[in-house]
N, C-alpha and C. Protein backbone atom coordinates (compact mmCIF):
# COMPACT_ATOMS: atom_id res chain seq x y z
N MET A 1 27.63 -9.26 -15.39
CA MET A 1 26.91 -8.09 -15.87
C MET A 1 27.70 -6.85 -15.44
N ASP A 2 27.95 -5.94 -16.37
CA ASP A 2 28.70 -4.75 -15.99
C ASP A 2 27.78 -3.70 -15.38
N THR A 3 28.37 -2.62 -14.93
CA THR A 3 27.64 -1.59 -14.20
C THR A 3 26.53 -0.95 -15.02
N LEU A 4 26.79 -0.68 -16.27
CA LEU A 4 25.78 -0.05 -17.13
C LEU A 4 24.57 -0.97 -17.30
N GLU A 5 24.81 -2.25 -17.50
CA GLU A 5 23.71 -3.21 -17.63
C GLU A 5 22.92 -3.32 -16.33
N GLN A 6 23.63 -3.28 -15.20
CA GLN A 6 22.95 -3.34 -13.91
C GLN A 6 22.07 -2.12 -13.71
N ARG A 7 22.58 -0.94 -14.07
CA ARG A 7 21.79 0.29 -13.94
C ARG A 7 20.55 0.24 -14.82
N ARG A 8 20.71 -0.23 -16.04
CA ARG A 8 19.56 -0.34 -16.95
C ARG A 8 18.52 -1.31 -16.42
N ALA A 9 18.98 -2.43 -15.88
CA ALA A 9 18.05 -3.41 -15.31
C ALA A 9 17.32 -2.83 -14.11
N ALA A 10 18.05 -2.11 -13.27
CA ALA A 10 17.43 -1.50 -12.09
C ALA A 10 16.42 -0.43 -12.49
N LEU A 11 16.75 0.36 -13.49
CA LEU A 11 15.82 1.39 -13.97
C LEU A 11 14.58 0.76 -14.59
N ALA A 12 14.75 -0.31 -15.31
CA ALA A 12 13.60 -1.00 -15.91
C ALA A 12 12.69 -1.55 -14.82
N THR A 13 13.28 -2.13 -13.79
CA THR A 13 12.49 -2.66 -12.67
C THR A 13 11.75 -1.54 -11.96
N ALA A 14 12.45 -0.44 -11.69
CA ALA A 14 11.84 0.69 -11.00
C ALA A 14 10.69 1.28 -11.81
N ASN A 15 10.87 1.39 -13.11
CA ASN A 15 9.81 1.91 -13.98
C ASN A 15 8.59 0.99 -13.97
N ASP A 16 8.84 -0.31 -13.98
CA ASP A 16 7.75 -1.27 -13.94
C ASP A 16 6.96 -1.14 -12.64
N VAL A 17 7.67 -1.01 -11.53
CA VAL A 17 7.01 -0.85 -10.23
C VAL A 17 6.18 0.42 -10.21
N ARG A 18 6.74 1.52 -10.70
CA ARG A 18 5.99 2.80 -10.73
C ARG A 18 4.74 2.68 -11.59
N PHE A 19 4.87 2.05 -12.75
CA PHE A 19 3.74 1.89 -13.65
C PHE A 19 2.64 1.06 -12.99
N ARG A 20 3.01 -0.05 -12.36
CA ARG A 20 2.03 -0.91 -11.71
C ARG A 20 1.36 -0.22 -10.51
N ARG A 21 2.15 0.53 -9.74
CA ARG A 21 1.56 1.24 -8.60
C ARG A 21 0.61 2.33 -9.06
N ALA A 22 0.94 3.00 -10.15
CA ALA A 22 0.04 4.02 -10.69
C ALA A 22 -1.28 3.40 -11.15
N ALA A 23 -1.19 2.24 -11.79
CA ALA A 23 -2.41 1.55 -12.22
C ALA A 23 -3.23 1.12 -11.01
N LEU A 24 -2.58 0.62 -9.99
CA LEU A 24 -3.27 0.21 -8.77
C LEU A 24 -3.93 1.41 -8.09
N LYS A 25 -3.24 2.53 -8.09
CA LYS A 25 -3.79 3.75 -7.51
C LYS A 25 -5.10 4.13 -8.21
N ARG A 26 -5.12 4.05 -9.52
CA ARG A 26 -6.34 4.36 -10.27
C ARG A 26 -7.45 3.37 -9.93
N GLU A 27 -7.10 2.10 -9.81
CA GLU A 27 -8.09 1.07 -9.46
C GLU A 27 -8.68 1.31 -8.06
N LEU A 28 -7.84 1.67 -7.11
CA LEU A 28 -8.32 1.95 -5.75
C LEU A 28 -9.23 3.17 -5.73
N ARG A 29 -8.82 4.23 -6.41
CA ARG A 29 -9.63 5.46 -6.46
C ARG A 29 -10.99 5.20 -7.10
N ALA A 30 -11.01 4.33 -8.11
CA ALA A 30 -12.26 4.02 -8.82
C ALA A 30 -13.13 3.04 -8.04
N GLY A 31 -12.55 2.39 -7.02
CA GLY A 31 -13.31 1.43 -6.24
C GLY A 31 -13.35 0.04 -6.84
N ARG A 32 -12.55 -0.22 -7.86
CA ARG A 32 -12.53 -1.54 -8.48
C ARG A 32 -11.70 -2.54 -7.68
N VAL A 33 -10.84 -2.03 -6.81
CA VAL A 33 -10.03 -2.86 -5.92
C VAL A 33 -10.26 -2.34 -4.51
N THR A 34 -10.45 -3.25 -3.56
CA THR A 34 -10.64 -2.82 -2.17
C THR A 34 -9.31 -2.87 -1.43
N PHE A 35 -9.17 -1.98 -0.47
CA PHE A 35 -7.96 -1.95 0.32
C PHE A 35 -7.82 -3.21 1.17
N GLU A 36 -8.96 -3.74 1.61
CA GLU A 36 -8.93 -4.97 2.41
C GLU A 36 -8.34 -6.13 1.60
N ALA A 37 -8.76 -6.25 0.34
CA ALA A 37 -8.22 -7.31 -0.52
C ALA A 37 -6.72 -7.11 -0.74
N LEU A 38 -6.33 -5.87 -0.88
CA LEU A 38 -4.93 -5.54 -1.07
C LEU A 38 -4.10 -5.91 0.16
N LEU A 39 -4.67 -5.67 1.33
CA LEU A 39 -3.97 -6.02 2.57
C LEU A 39 -3.80 -7.53 2.72
N MET A 40 -4.83 -8.26 2.37
CA MET A 40 -4.78 -9.71 2.55
C MET A 40 -3.85 -10.40 1.56
N ASP A 41 -3.75 -9.86 0.35
CA ASP A 41 -2.91 -10.48 -0.67
C ASP A 41 -2.21 -9.40 -1.49
N PRO A 42 -1.20 -8.75 -0.91
CA PRO A 42 -0.53 -7.66 -1.64
C PRO A 42 0.34 -8.20 -2.78
N PRO A 43 0.29 -7.54 -3.92
CA PRO A 43 1.16 -7.96 -5.03
C PRO A 43 2.63 -7.69 -4.70
N ALA A 44 3.52 -8.36 -5.38
CA ALA A 44 4.95 -8.25 -5.10
C ALA A 44 5.49 -6.83 -5.27
N TYR A 45 4.93 -6.06 -6.20
CA TYR A 45 5.43 -4.71 -6.43
C TYR A 45 5.04 -3.73 -5.32
N LEU A 46 4.23 -4.17 -4.37
CA LEU A 46 3.89 -3.34 -3.21
C LEU A 46 4.70 -3.70 -1.98
N ARG A 47 5.59 -4.64 -2.11
CA ARG A 47 6.35 -5.14 -0.97
C ARG A 47 6.99 -4.02 -0.15
N ASN A 48 7.58 -3.04 -0.81
CA ASN A 48 8.27 -1.96 -0.11
C ASN A 48 7.44 -0.69 0.04
N ALA A 49 6.21 -0.70 -0.41
CA ALA A 49 5.34 0.46 -0.25
C ALA A 49 4.83 0.52 1.19
N THR A 50 4.65 1.74 1.69
CA THR A 50 4.13 1.86 3.05
C THR A 50 2.61 1.74 3.05
N ILE A 51 2.10 1.27 4.15
CA ILE A 51 0.65 1.15 4.32
C ILE A 51 0.02 2.53 4.21
N PHE A 52 0.66 3.52 4.82
CA PHE A 52 0.16 4.90 4.78
C PHE A 52 0.05 5.40 3.35
N GLU A 53 1.09 5.18 2.57
CA GLU A 53 1.10 5.63 1.17
C GLU A 53 -0.06 5.01 0.40
N ALA A 54 -0.26 3.72 0.56
CA ALA A 54 -1.35 3.04 -0.16
C ALA A 54 -2.72 3.45 0.36
N LEU A 55 -2.82 3.71 1.64
CA LEU A 55 -4.10 4.08 2.24
C LEU A 55 -4.59 5.43 1.71
N ILE A 56 -3.69 6.36 1.47
CA ILE A 56 -4.14 7.66 0.96
C ILE A 56 -4.52 7.59 -0.52
N TRP A 57 -4.25 6.47 -1.17
CA TRP A 57 -4.72 6.28 -2.55
C TRP A 57 -6.21 5.96 -2.57
N VAL A 58 -6.75 5.50 -1.45
CA VAL A 58 -8.15 5.08 -1.38
C VAL A 58 -9.04 6.32 -1.33
N ARG A 59 -10.13 6.25 -2.06
CA ARG A 59 -11.08 7.34 -2.07
C ARG A 59 -11.58 7.61 -0.65
N HIS A 60 -11.73 8.86 -0.29
CA HIS A 60 -12.21 9.34 1.01
C HIS A 60 -11.16 9.25 2.12
N TYR A 61 -9.94 8.89 1.79
CA TYR A 61 -8.87 8.85 2.78
C TYR A 61 -7.80 9.86 2.40
N GLY A 62 -7.58 10.79 3.30
CA GLY A 62 -6.49 11.74 3.13
C GLY A 62 -5.42 11.44 4.16
N ARG A 63 -4.49 12.36 4.27
CA ARG A 63 -3.38 12.15 5.21
C ARG A 63 -3.86 12.09 6.66
N ALA A 64 -4.77 12.97 7.03
CA ALA A 64 -5.24 13.00 8.42
C ALA A 64 -6.01 11.74 8.79
N LYS A 65 -6.92 11.34 7.94
CA LYS A 65 -7.73 10.15 8.23
C LYS A 65 -6.87 8.89 8.23
N ALA A 66 -5.93 8.80 7.29
CA ALA A 66 -5.03 7.65 7.23
C ALA A 66 -4.15 7.59 8.47
N SER A 67 -3.62 8.73 8.89
CA SER A 67 -2.78 8.78 10.10
C SER A 67 -3.56 8.35 11.33
N ARG A 68 -4.78 8.85 11.44
CA ARG A 68 -5.63 8.51 12.60
C ARG A 68 -5.93 7.01 12.62
N LEU A 69 -6.24 6.46 11.47
CA LEU A 69 -6.55 5.04 11.37
C LEU A 69 -5.35 4.17 11.76
N LEU A 70 -4.19 4.53 11.29
CA LEU A 70 -2.98 3.77 11.63
C LEU A 70 -2.64 3.90 13.12
N ARG A 71 -2.83 5.08 13.67
CA ARG A 71 -2.60 5.28 15.11
C ARG A 71 -3.54 4.41 15.93
N GLN A 72 -4.80 4.35 15.54
CA GLN A 72 -5.78 3.54 16.26
C GLN A 72 -5.40 2.06 16.25
N CYS A 73 -4.72 1.63 15.20
CA CYS A 73 -4.30 0.23 15.09
C CYS A 73 -2.88 0.01 15.58
N ASP A 74 -2.26 1.06 16.08
CA ASP A 74 -0.89 1.00 16.59
C ASP A 74 0.10 0.52 15.52
N ILE A 75 -0.05 1.13 14.34
CA ILE A 75 0.83 0.82 13.21
C ILE A 75 1.59 2.09 12.86
N ALA A 76 2.90 2.00 12.77
CA ALA A 76 3.72 3.15 12.40
C ALA A 76 3.46 3.52 10.94
N ALA A 77 3.52 4.82 10.64
CA ALA A 77 3.24 5.30 9.29
C ALA A 77 4.22 4.74 8.27
N GLY A 78 5.43 4.41 8.68
CA GLY A 78 6.44 3.90 7.77
C GLY A 78 6.43 2.40 7.59
N THR A 79 5.45 1.72 8.16
CA THR A 79 5.39 0.26 8.04
C THR A 79 5.05 -0.13 6.60
N THR A 80 5.81 -1.06 6.07
CA THR A 80 5.58 -1.52 4.70
C THR A 80 4.66 -2.74 4.69
N PHE A 81 4.14 -3.06 3.53
CA PHE A 81 3.29 -4.24 3.38
C PHE A 81 4.05 -5.49 3.82
N GLU A 82 5.33 -5.53 3.49
CA GLU A 82 6.15 -6.69 3.80
C GLU A 82 6.30 -6.90 5.31
N ARG A 83 6.35 -5.81 6.07
CA ARG A 83 6.60 -5.90 7.51
C ARG A 83 5.33 -5.93 8.35
N LEU A 84 4.18 -5.83 7.73
CA LEU A 84 2.92 -5.83 8.47
C LEU A 84 2.56 -7.25 8.90
N THR A 85 2.38 -7.43 10.19
CA THR A 85 2.07 -8.77 10.71
C THR A 85 0.61 -9.13 10.42
N PRO A 86 0.28 -10.41 10.40
CA PRO A 86 -1.12 -10.82 10.17
C PRO A 86 -2.06 -10.23 11.22
N HIS A 87 -1.60 -10.14 12.46
CA HIS A 87 -2.43 -9.56 13.52
C HIS A 87 -2.76 -8.10 13.22
N ARG A 88 -1.75 -7.34 12.80
CA ARG A 88 -1.96 -5.92 12.46
C ARG A 88 -2.84 -5.78 11.21
N ARG A 89 -2.69 -6.68 10.27
CA ARG A 89 -3.55 -6.65 9.07
C ARG A 89 -5.02 -6.78 9.46
N GLN A 90 -5.29 -7.77 10.31
CA GLN A 90 -6.67 -7.99 10.76
C GLN A 90 -7.20 -6.79 11.54
N ALA A 91 -6.37 -6.22 12.40
CA ALA A 91 -6.79 -5.04 13.17
C ALA A 91 -7.10 -3.88 12.25
N LEU A 92 -6.29 -3.68 11.24
CA LEU A 92 -6.51 -2.59 10.29
C LEU A 92 -7.79 -2.81 9.48
N ILE A 93 -8.01 -4.04 9.06
CA ILE A 93 -9.24 -4.34 8.32
C ILE A 93 -10.47 -4.08 9.19
N ARG A 94 -10.43 -4.53 10.44
CA ARG A 94 -11.56 -4.28 11.36
C ARG A 94 -11.80 -2.78 11.52
N GLN A 95 -10.73 -2.02 11.69
CA GLN A 95 -10.86 -0.57 11.88
C GLN A 95 -11.42 0.11 10.64
N ILE A 96 -11.00 -0.34 9.47
CA ILE A 96 -11.50 0.24 8.22
C ILE A 96 -12.99 -0.04 8.09
N ARG A 97 -13.38 -1.26 8.39
CA ARG A 97 -14.82 -1.61 8.30
C ARG A 97 -15.65 -0.81 9.30
N GLN A 98 -15.13 -0.59 10.51
CA GLN A 98 -15.86 0.20 11.50
C GLN A 98 -15.98 1.65 11.06
N SER A 99 -14.91 2.22 10.49
CA SER A 99 -14.97 3.62 10.08
C SER A 99 -15.86 3.82 8.87
N ALA A 100 -16.12 2.75 8.11
CA ALA A 100 -16.97 2.87 6.92
C ALA A 100 -18.44 2.94 7.28
N ARG A 101 -18.78 2.59 8.48
CA ARG A 101 -20.18 2.59 8.89
C ARG A 101 -20.69 3.97 9.16
């Protein structure tokens, strides 16, 4: 594959990821998808997305609340879905459920 074909393939992949993330963002805002479900089984196109980025897509979560939640769970803001350990996932889910009360 030559360079031009590689660039086109990369752009097509990037556009697909952006489109899917935008659709997911709308689903999270509308409440049709829960963040807990997303944490337990993240789709492949979220592999490189940060937890912080996805958390601020959720209704009632802004930058301050998302930062505080991640700090309480000892998770760095730049942690991606791919690098989040099962232990940290469970801690984050517990913290989200506690803050919802």
